[in-house]
Amino acid sequence: MGDCRYLKFEKEVFDIVIIQGRLYHLPDLDKNLPILLDGVKRVLRKDGLVLIVEP
């Protein structure tokens, strides 16, 4: 199992990242959301998409 704040993938390997129901569970959202989004940006290809689904 992994931590969505620290994505263990190479740079620019995905066309899309889907986050479903994870942000709700982040401790201290103000602190951890920028960490998560920086990681998402790192693993997405140049024209990649992010889909976020939250309750």
N, C-alpha and C. Protein backbone atom coordinates (compact mmCIF):
# COMPACT_ATOMS: atom_id res chain seq x y z
N MET A 1 0.85 -1.17 0.00
CA MET A 1 0.00 0.00 0.00
C MET A 1 0.90 1.24 0.00
N GLY A 2 0.42 2.32 -0.59
CA GLY A 2 1.22 3.53 -0.68
C GLY A 2 0.52 4.72 -0.06
N ASP A 3 1.24 5.80 -0.03
CA ASP A 3 0.74 7.07 0.49
C ASP A 3 0.53 7.99 -0.70
N CYS A 4 -0.68 8.48 -0.90
CA CYS A 4 -0.97 9.28 -2.08
C CYS A 4 -0.21 10.60 -2.10
N ARG A 5 0.36 10.99 -0.98
CA ARG A 5 1.17 12.22 -0.95
C ARG A 5 2.54 12.01 -1.55
N TYR A 6 2.99 10.79 -1.59
CA TYR A 6 4.36 10.49 -2.06
C TYR A 6 4.29 9.41 -3.13
N LEU A 7 4.06 9.84 -4.37
CA LEU A 7 3.90 8.91 -5.48
C LEU A 7 5.26 8.38 -5.92
N LYS A 8 5.41 7.08 -5.91
CA LYS A 8 6.70 6.44 -6.23
C LYS A 8 6.73 6.00 -7.69
N PHE A 9 6.61 6.98 -8.57
CA PHE A 9 6.66 6.73 -10.01
C PHE A 9 7.67 7.69 -10.63
N GLU A 10 8.14 7.32 -11.80
CA GLU A 10 9.05 8.19 -12.54
C GLU A 10 8.31 9.46 -12.97
N LYS A 11 9.04 10.44 -13.45
CA LYS A 11 8.46 11.68 -13.94
C LYS A 11 7.73 11.46 -15.26
N GLU A 12 6.62 12.16 -15.42
CA GLU A 12 5.88 12.24 -16.67
C GLU A 12 5.57 10.87 -17.31
N VAL A 13 4.95 9.99 -16.53
CA VAL A 13 4.64 8.65 -17.03
C VAL A 13 3.15 8.40 -17.26
N PHE A 14 2.27 9.30 -16.79
CA PHE A 14 0.84 9.06 -16.90
C PHE A 14 0.15 10.14 -17.73
N ASP A 15 -0.87 9.70 -18.48
CA ASP A 15 -1.72 10.63 -19.23
C ASP A 15 -2.84 11.16 -18.35
N ILE A 16 -3.23 10.40 -17.36
CA ILE A 16 -4.31 10.80 -16.45
C ILE A 16 -4.04 10.26 -15.05
N VAL A 17 -4.39 11.05 -14.06
CA VAL A 17 -4.35 10.62 -12.66
C VAL A 17 -5.76 10.81 -12.11
N ILE A 18 -6.30 9.78 -11.49
CA ILE A 18 -7.63 9.84 -10.91
C ILE A 18 -7.49 9.72 -9.39
N ILE A 19 -8.04 10.70 -8.70
CA ILE A 19 -8.05 10.69 -7.24
C ILE A 19 -9.52 10.57 -6.83
N GLN A 20 -9.86 9.44 -6.23
CA GLN A 20 -11.26 9.20 -5.86
C GLN A 20 -11.36 8.94 -4.37
N GLY A 21 -11.96 9.90 -3.67
CA GLY A 21 -12.22 9.71 -2.24
C GLY A 21 -11.00 9.69 -1.36
N ARG A 22 -9.90 10.29 -1.78
CA ARG A 22 -8.68 10.28 -0.98
C ARG A 22 -8.46 11.59 -0.24
N LEU A 23 -8.81 12.69 -0.83
CA LEU A 23 -8.54 13.99 -0.21
C LEU A 23 -9.26 14.11 1.13
N TYR A 24 -10.42 13.52 1.22
CA TYR A 24 -11.22 13.53 2.44
C TYR A 24 -10.45 12.93 3.62
N HIS A 25 -9.55 12.00 3.34
CA HIS A 25 -8.84 11.28 4.39
C HIS A 25 -7.47 11.87 4.71
N LEU A 26 -7.05 12.89 3.99
CA LEU A 26 -5.75 13.48 4.26
C LEU A 26 -5.75 14.20 5.61
N PRO A 27 -4.77 13.91 6.45
CA PRO A 27 -4.66 14.71 7.68
C PRO A 27 -4.14 16.11 7.30
N ASP A 28 -4.63 17.13 7.93
CA ASP A 28 -4.18 18.51 7.70
C ASP A 28 -4.16 18.83 6.20
N LEU A 29 -5.33 18.97 5.63
CA LEU A 29 -5.49 19.18 4.20
C LEU A 29 -4.69 20.38 3.70
N ASP A 30 -4.67 21.47 4.45
CA ASP A 30 -3.93 22.66 4.02
C ASP A 30 -2.45 22.38 3.82
N LYS A 31 -1.90 21.52 4.65
CA LYS A 31 -0.47 21.18 4.56
C LYS A 31 -0.21 20.12 3.49
N ASN A 32 -1.06 19.11 3.42
CA ASN A 32 -0.79 17.94 2.58
C ASN A 32 -1.29 18.05 1.15
N LEU A 33 -2.30 18.87 0.89
CA LEU A 33 -2.80 19.00 -0.47
C LEU A 33 -1.74 19.51 -1.45
N PRO A 34 -0.97 20.54 -1.10
CA PRO A 34 0.09 20.96 -2.02
C PRO A 34 1.14 19.88 -2.30
N ILE A 35 1.45 19.06 -1.31
CA ILE A 35 2.40 17.95 -1.49
C ILE A 35 1.84 16.95 -2.49
N LEU A 36 0.57 16.59 -2.31
CA LEU A 36 -0.08 15.63 -3.20
C LEU A 36 -0.13 16.18 -4.63
N LEU A 37 -0.55 17.44 -4.79
CA LEU A 37 -0.68 18.01 -6.14
C LEU A 37 0.67 18.19 -6.82
N ASP A 38 1.71 18.49 -6.08
CA ASP A 38 3.06 18.56 -6.67
C ASP A 38 3.47 17.19 -7.20
N GLY A 39 3.14 16.13 -6.45
CA GLY A 39 3.46 14.78 -6.91
C GLY A 39 2.67 14.40 -8.15
N VAL A 40 1.40 14.78 -8.18
CA VAL A 40 0.57 14.51 -9.35
C VAL A 40 1.15 15.23 -10.57
N LYS A 41 1.49 16.48 -10.40
CA LYS A 41 2.07 17.26 -11.50
C LYS A 41 3.36 16.61 -12.02
N ARG A 42 4.16 16.07 -11.11
CA ARG A 42 5.44 15.44 -11.48
C ARG A 42 5.24 14.19 -12.33
N VAL A 43 4.22 13.38 -12.00
CA VAL A 43 4.05 12.12 -12.71
C VAL A 43 3.22 12.23 -13.99
N LEU A 44 2.53 13.36 -14.17
CA LEU A 44 1.72 13.55 -15.38
C LEU A 44 2.57 13.99 -16.55
N ARG A 45 2.20 13.52 -17.73
CA ARG A 45 2.82 14.00 -18.95
C ARG A 45 2.37 15.45 -19.19
N LYS A 46 3.02 16.12 -20.12
CA LYS A 46 2.80 17.54 -20.37
C LYS A 46 1.32 17.91 -20.51
N ASP A 47 0.56 17.18 -21.28
CA ASP A 47 -0.84 17.48 -21.50
C ASP A 47 -1.76 16.55 -20.73
N GLY A 48 -1.28 16.04 -19.60
CA GLY A 48 -2.06 15.08 -18.80
C GLY A 48 -3.24 15.73 -18.11
N LEU A 49 -4.15 14.89 -17.64
CA LEU A 49 -5.37 15.32 -16.96
C LEU A 49 -5.43 14.77 -15.55
N VAL A 50 -6.07 15.52 -14.68
CA VAL A 50 -6.33 15.07 -13.31
C VAL A 50 -7.84 15.05 -13.12
N LEU A 51 -8.36 13.95 -12.62
CA LEU A 51 -9.78 13.82 -12.32
C LEU A 51 -9.88 13.58 -10.81
N ILE A 52 -10.58 14.49 -10.12
CA ILE A 52 -10.74 14.38 -8.67
C ILE A 52 -12.22 14.20 -8.36
N VAL A 53 -12.55 13.11 -7.66
CA VAL A 53 -13.91 12.82 -7.26
C VAL A 53 -13.92 12.71 -5.74
N GLU A 54 -14.71 13.55 -5.10
CA GLU A 54 -14.77 13.55 -3.64
C GLU A 54 -16.23 13.49 -3.20
N PRO A 55 -16.45 12.96 -1.99
CA PRO A 55 -17.82 12.91 -1.48
C PRO A 55 -18.38 14.31 -1.23
